[in-house]
Amino acid sequence: MKTKRILLFCFMIVTTLSGIYSQSIMLTQGDPPTESYDPRVLAHYSVTELEEMRTLTPNDYIIFTYFLTQSYSIEHMDCFECTPVNLQTFDITRYEYLRKKDETMIYEDPKHGFKLTLYSMQSLPYRTPQQEYLLNH
């Protein structure tokens, strides 16, 4: 009788541990959590596309994530009766046409309550193909 209890107890432990192990494998094999990517990048690429880009073309991944998140600075401005922009999901592509080749551009939008500083193309350590083209022509 005692042997049956020990065997049953061991069986329960092994079953529990294998269930925990298989759960952890499933969690690590799926898509990475969306929280690990900046919302400004997720507005343009899916998690799957980002993972593929990160693996297959890491330079492109660095260039585009830098462009979408670090090629500018943005800050909130106090405004009265305005529709404030969400700085967490700000889309730089809508303002890229303002970027200069060799000087920093500052754009203030009181209607949407933000001040945007676009760093010059020459100062960017990573440039998109379009920026490279514009800089060299």
Protein backbone atom coordinates (compact mmCIF):
# COMPACT_ATOMS: atom_id res chain seq x y z
CA MET A 1 0.00 0.00 0.00
CA LYS A 2 2.83 2.36 0.90
CA THR A 3 4.58 1.58 -2.38
CA LYS A 4 1.41 2.46 -4.32
CA ARG A 5 1.25 5.85 -2.61
CA ILE A 6 4.91 6.58 -3.37
CA LEU A 7 4.47 5.57 -7.01
CA LEU A 8 1.31 7.68 -7.30
CA PHE A 9 3.10 10.65 -5.70
CA CYS A 10 6.08 10.29 -8.09
CA PHE A 11 3.71 9.99 -11.06
CA MET A 12 1.94 13.22 -10.03
CA ILE A 13 5.25 15.08 -9.68
CA VAL A 14 6.50 13.89 -13.07
CA THR A 15 3.17 14.79 -14.73
CA THR A 16 3.15 18.24 -13.14
CA LEU A 17 6.77 18.95 -14.07
CA SER A 18 6.29 17.81 -17.68
CA GLY A 19 3.21 20.04 -17.97
CA ILE A 20 5.15 23.04 -16.67
CA TYR A 21 8.06 22.27 -19.01
CA SER A 22 5.81 21.93 -22.09
CA GLN A 23 4.06 25.21 -21.18
CA SER A 24 7.38 27.04 -20.97
CA ILE A 25 8.39 25.64 -24.37
CA MET A 26 5.13 26.82 -25.92
CA LEU A 27 5.62 30.31 -24.48
CA THR A 28 9.14 30.64 -25.85
CA GLN A 29 8.30 29.30 -29.32
CA GLY A 30 5.39 31.64 -30.08
CA ASP A 31 5.50 35.27 -31.18
CA PRO A 32 7.34 37.54 -28.78
CA PRO A 33 5.07 39.69 -26.69
CA THR A 34 3.94 42.87 -28.43
CA GLU A 35 5.14 44.87 -25.42
CA SER A 36 8.75 44.20 -26.44
CA TYR A 37 8.33 46.41 -29.52
CA ASP A 38 7.81 50.14 -29.60
CA PRO A 39 4.23 51.08 -30.61
CA ARG A 40 5.65 53.50 -33.18
CA VAL A 41 7.32 50.55 -34.93
CA LEU A 42 4.28 48.28 -34.57
CA ALA A 43 2.22 50.86 -36.47
CA HIS A 44 4.27 49.96 -39.57
CA TYR A 45 5.31 46.32 -39.05
CA SER A 46 3.70 43.26 -37.50
CA VAL A 47 5.51 41.29 -34.81
CA THR A 48 6.15 38.53 -37.35
CA GLU A 49 7.61 41.00 -39.87
CA LEU A 50 9.85 42.48 -37.19
CA GLU A 51 11.11 39.07 -36.15
CA GLU A 52 11.84 38.15 -39.76
CA MET A 53 13.59 41.46 -40.39
CA ARG A 54 15.58 41.11 -37.19
CA THR A 55 16.73 37.64 -38.24
CA LEU A 56 17.11 37.93 -42.03
CA THR A 57 18.13 41.57 -42.47
CA PRO A 58 19.36 42.88 -39.12
CA ASN A 59 20.75 46.08 -40.66
CA ASP A 60 17.32 46.97 -42.05
CA TYR A 61 15.81 46.26 -38.65
CA ILE A 62 18.26 48.67 -36.99
CA ILE A 63 17.76 51.35 -39.66
CA PHE A 64 13.96 51.32 -39.60
CA THR A 65 13.56 51.05 -35.84
CA TYR A 66 16.06 53.90 -35.43
CA PHE A 67 14.22 55.99 -38.02
CA LEU A 68 10.80 55.41 -36.44
CA THR A 69 11.92 55.99 -32.84
CA GLN A 70 15.20 57.90 -32.54
CA SER A 71 15.78 60.05 -35.65
CA TYR A 72 13.87 62.87 -33.98
CA SER A 73 12.78 64.12 -30.60
CA ILE A 74 9.28 65.14 -29.71
CA GLU A 75 7.89 66.85 -26.69
CA HIS A 76 4.49 67.85 -25.45
CA MET A 77 3.56 71.55 -25.63
CA ASP A 78 0.85 73.12 -23.54
CA CYS A 79 -2.08 74.03 -25.72
CA PHE A 80 -5.55 75.43 -25.29
CA GLU A 81 -8.50 73.81 -27.06
CA CYS A 82 -6.28 71.52 -29.08
CA THR A 83 -6.32 67.87 -30.03
CA PRO A 84 -3.09 66.57 -28.45
CA VAL A 85 -1.11 63.99 -30.36
CA ASN A 86 -0.31 60.70 -28.64
CA LEU A 87 3.48 60.79 -28.27
CA GLN A 88 3.59 57.01 -27.68
CA THR A 89 2.23 56.28 -31.17
CA PHE A 90 3.64 59.29 -33.01
CA ASP A 91 4.23 58.61 -36.73
CA ILE A 92 7.38 60.35 -37.98
CA THR A 93 6.65 59.39 -41.59
CA ARG A 94 3.98 62.11 -41.71
CA TYR A 95 6.66 64.76 -41.06
CA GLU A 96 9.72 63.31 -42.77
CA TYR A 97 9.31 65.74 -45.70
CA LEU A 98 10.37 68.52 -43.30
CA ARG A 99 13.78 66.97 -42.56
CA LYS A 100 16.78 68.91 -43.91
CA LYS A 101 20.02 67.46 -45.25
CA ASP A 102 22.42 69.45 -43.13
CA GLU A 103 20.48 71.27 -40.42
CA THR A 104 18.19 70.38 -37.56
CA MET A 105 14.58 71.29 -38.22
CA ILE A 106 12.21 72.34 -35.45
CA TYR A 107 8.49 72.17 -36.10
CA GLU A 108 5.91 73.33 -33.58
CA ASP A 109 2.30 72.24 -33.91
CA PRO A 110 0.15 74.14 -31.39
CA LYS A 111 -3.04 72.62 -32.83
CA HIS A 112 -1.83 69.16 -31.77
CA GLY A 113 0.31 70.24 -28.81
CA PHE A 114 3.79 69.06 -29.75
CA LYS A 115 7.22 70.31 -30.71
CA LEU A 116 9.16 68.12 -33.13
CA THR A 117 12.91 68.28 -33.66
CA LEU A 118 14.05 66.47 -36.80
CA TYR A 119 17.77 65.73 -36.77
CA SER A 120 19.56 66.48 -40.03
CA MET A 121 20.14 63.60 -42.44
CA GLN A 122 23.90 64.09 -42.16
CA SER A 123 23.80 63.67 -38.39
CA LEU A 124 21.89 60.38 -38.42
CA PRO A 125 24.06 57.33 -37.71
CA TYR A 126 21.50 55.14 -39.56
CA ARG A 127 19.67 56.35 -42.65
CA THR A 128 16.83 54.84 -44.65
CA PRO A 129 17.47 54.18 -48.35
CA GLN A 130 15.35 57.23 -49.21
CA GLN A 131 17.37 59.43 -46.85
CA GLU A 132 20.62 58.13 -48.37
CA TYR A 133 19.34 58.91 -51.83
CA LEU A 134 18.22 62.45 -50.89
CA LEU A 135 21.48 63.12 -49.08
CA ASN A 136 23.57 62.11 -52.09
CA HIS A 137 21.51 63.83 -54.80
